[in-house]
Amino acid sequence: MSPERRVGFVGVMDVKALAREYTPDSIHTLAKIMKDVAAPPSARVAAANSLLDRGWGKAHQTVEANIHNQFDNRSDDELIRIIEGTVISYSPDSSRIELEEEPESLPE
């Protein structure tokens, strides 16, 4: 028996592939629940929403954000001093950016 077929070992891709085999049955089950007038309304709505989400994607959501940028009211000279006071080390091998020195506190 291959390692992939042993009990307890299923790769992520295998799980996805196995689950996708049930797509037609799952869609049929959701549609059956949605159309079943004897089913609880909450189950019918959940089934209908699942079908819509899978067929058309989830509805877009509007997010309102109030963002304050601490650099908006700074002069170019202040911004240059802030940038020059910050030493950053970047290593392409590790794809990490590290702060080598603590920057001076921002001017008020």
Protein backbone atom coordinates (compact mmCIF):
# COMPACT_ATOMS: atom_id res chain seq x y z
CA MET A 1 0.00 0.00 0.00
CA SER A 2 1.42 3.41 -0.94
CA PRO A 3 2.09 5.94 1.84
CA GLU A 4 -0.63 8.20 0.44
CA ARG A 5 -3.27 5.48 0.96
CA ARG A 6 -2.37 4.59 4.55
CA VAL A 7 -5.02 5.35 7.15
CA GLY A 8 -4.37 8.72 8.78
CA PHE A 9 -2.29 10.16 5.94
CA VAL A 10 -4.05 12.38 3.47
CA GLY A 11 -2.31 15.38 1.94
CA VAL A 12 -4.00 18.75 1.67
CA MET A 13 -4.41 18.41 -2.08
CA ASP A 14 -5.87 14.92 -1.63
CA VAL A 15 -8.47 16.24 0.82
CA LYS A 16 -9.46 19.00 -1.60
CA ALA A 17 -9.71 16.57 -4.47
CA LEU A 18 -11.79 14.15 -2.40
CA ALA A 19 -14.11 16.91 -1.19
CA ARG A 20 -14.59 18.24 -4.72
CA GLU A 21 -15.87 14.83 -5.81
CA TYR A 22 -18.94 15.57 -3.67
CA THR A 23 -19.68 18.93 -5.29
CA PRO A 24 -22.63 17.78 -7.44
CA ASP A 25 -24.22 15.90 -4.51
CA SER A 26 -23.65 18.86 -2.18
CA ILE A 27 -25.23 21.32 -4.60
CA HIS A 28 -28.17 18.95 -5.06
CA THR A 29 -28.58 18.61 -1.27
CA LEU A 30 -28.48 22.38 -0.76
CA ALA A 31 -31.06 22.89 -3.51
CA LYS A 32 -33.28 20.17 -2.02
CA ILE A 33 -33.16 21.82 1.44
CA MET A 34 -33.82 25.25 -0.07
CA LYS A 35 -36.93 24.00 -1.87
CA ASP A 36 -38.25 21.90 1.04
CA VAL A 37 -41.21 23.84 2.48
CA ALA A 38 -41.18 21.56 5.55
CA ALA A 39 -37.56 22.49 6.37
CA PRO A 40 -36.98 25.20 8.97
CA PRO A 41 -36.78 28.65 7.34
CA SER A 42 -33.26 29.16 8.76
CA ALA A 43 -32.06 25.98 6.99
CA ARG A 44 -33.69 27.07 3.72
CA VAL A 45 -32.10 30.52 3.91
CA ALA A 46 -28.68 29.05 4.78
CA ALA A 47 -28.91 26.65 1.83
CA ALA A 48 -30.00 29.44 -0.53
CA ASN A 49 -27.16 31.69 0.64
CA SER A 50 -24.63 28.89 0.21
CA LEU A 51 -25.79 28.28 -3.34
CA LEU A 52 -25.68 31.99 -4.19
CA ASP A 53 -22.24 32.42 -2.62
CA ARG A 54 -20.82 29.48 -4.54
CA GLY A 55 -22.45 30.44 -7.81
CA TRP A 56 -21.95 34.20 -7.76
CA GLY A 57 -19.43 34.87 -5.01
CA LYS A 58 -20.04 36.62 -1.72
CA ALA A 59 -21.59 40.07 -1.83
CA HIS A 60 -19.17 43.00 -1.58
CA GLN A 61 -19.07 44.72 1.77
CA THR A 62 -18.57 48.42 2.29
CA VAL A 63 -16.13 49.39 5.01
CA GLU A 64 -15.88 52.90 6.37
CA ALA A 65 -12.50 53.80 7.80
CA ASN A 66 -11.20 56.94 9.37
CA ILE A 67 -7.41 56.79 9.05
CA HIS A 68 -5.08 59.35 10.56
CA ASN A 69 -1.59 59.50 9.11
CA GLN A 70 1.05 60.80 11.52
CA PHE A 71 3.03 62.19 8.58
CA ASP A 72 0.33 64.29 6.89
CA ASN A 73 1.13 67.54 8.67
CA ARG A 74 4.92 67.20 8.61
CA SER A 75 7.25 69.34 6.53
CA ASP A 76 9.60 67.77 3.99
CA ASP A 77 12.54 68.58 6.29
CA GLU A 78 10.91 66.76 9.21
CA LEU A 79 10.16 63.73 7.03
CA ILE A 80 13.75 63.61 5.76
CA ARG A 81 15.09 63.75 9.35
CA ILE A 82 12.75 60.92 10.34
CA ILE A 83 13.87 58.79 7.39
CA GLU A 84 17.57 59.51 7.89
CA GLY A 85 17.32 58.66 11.59
CA THR A 86 16.05 55.17 10.81
CA VAL A 87 18.61 52.57 9.71
CA ILE A 88 17.10 49.51 8.10
CA SER A 89 18.84 46.28 7.17
CA TYR A 90 17.40 44.12 4.40
CA SER A 91 18.54 40.65 3.48
CA PRO A 92 17.11 39.33 0.18
CA ASP A 93 17.94 35.76 1.25
CA SER A 94 15.68 35.91 4.29
CA SER A 95 13.23 38.44 2.80
CA ARG A 96 13.15 40.15 6.20
CA ILE A 97 13.52 43.79 7.04
CA GLU A 98 15.05 44.51 10.42
CA LEU A 99 15.41 47.75 12.30
CA GLU A 100 19.04 48.01 13.39
CA GLU A 101 18.59 51.09 15.58
CA GLU A 102 15.62 52.44 17.34
CA PRO A 103 14.61 55.65 15.55
CA GLU A 104 14.48 58.82 17.56
CA SER A 105 11.01 59.66 18.74
CA LEU A 106 8.99 61.53 16.19
CA PRO A 107 9.00 65.31 16.62
CA GLU A 108 5.78 66.68 18.05
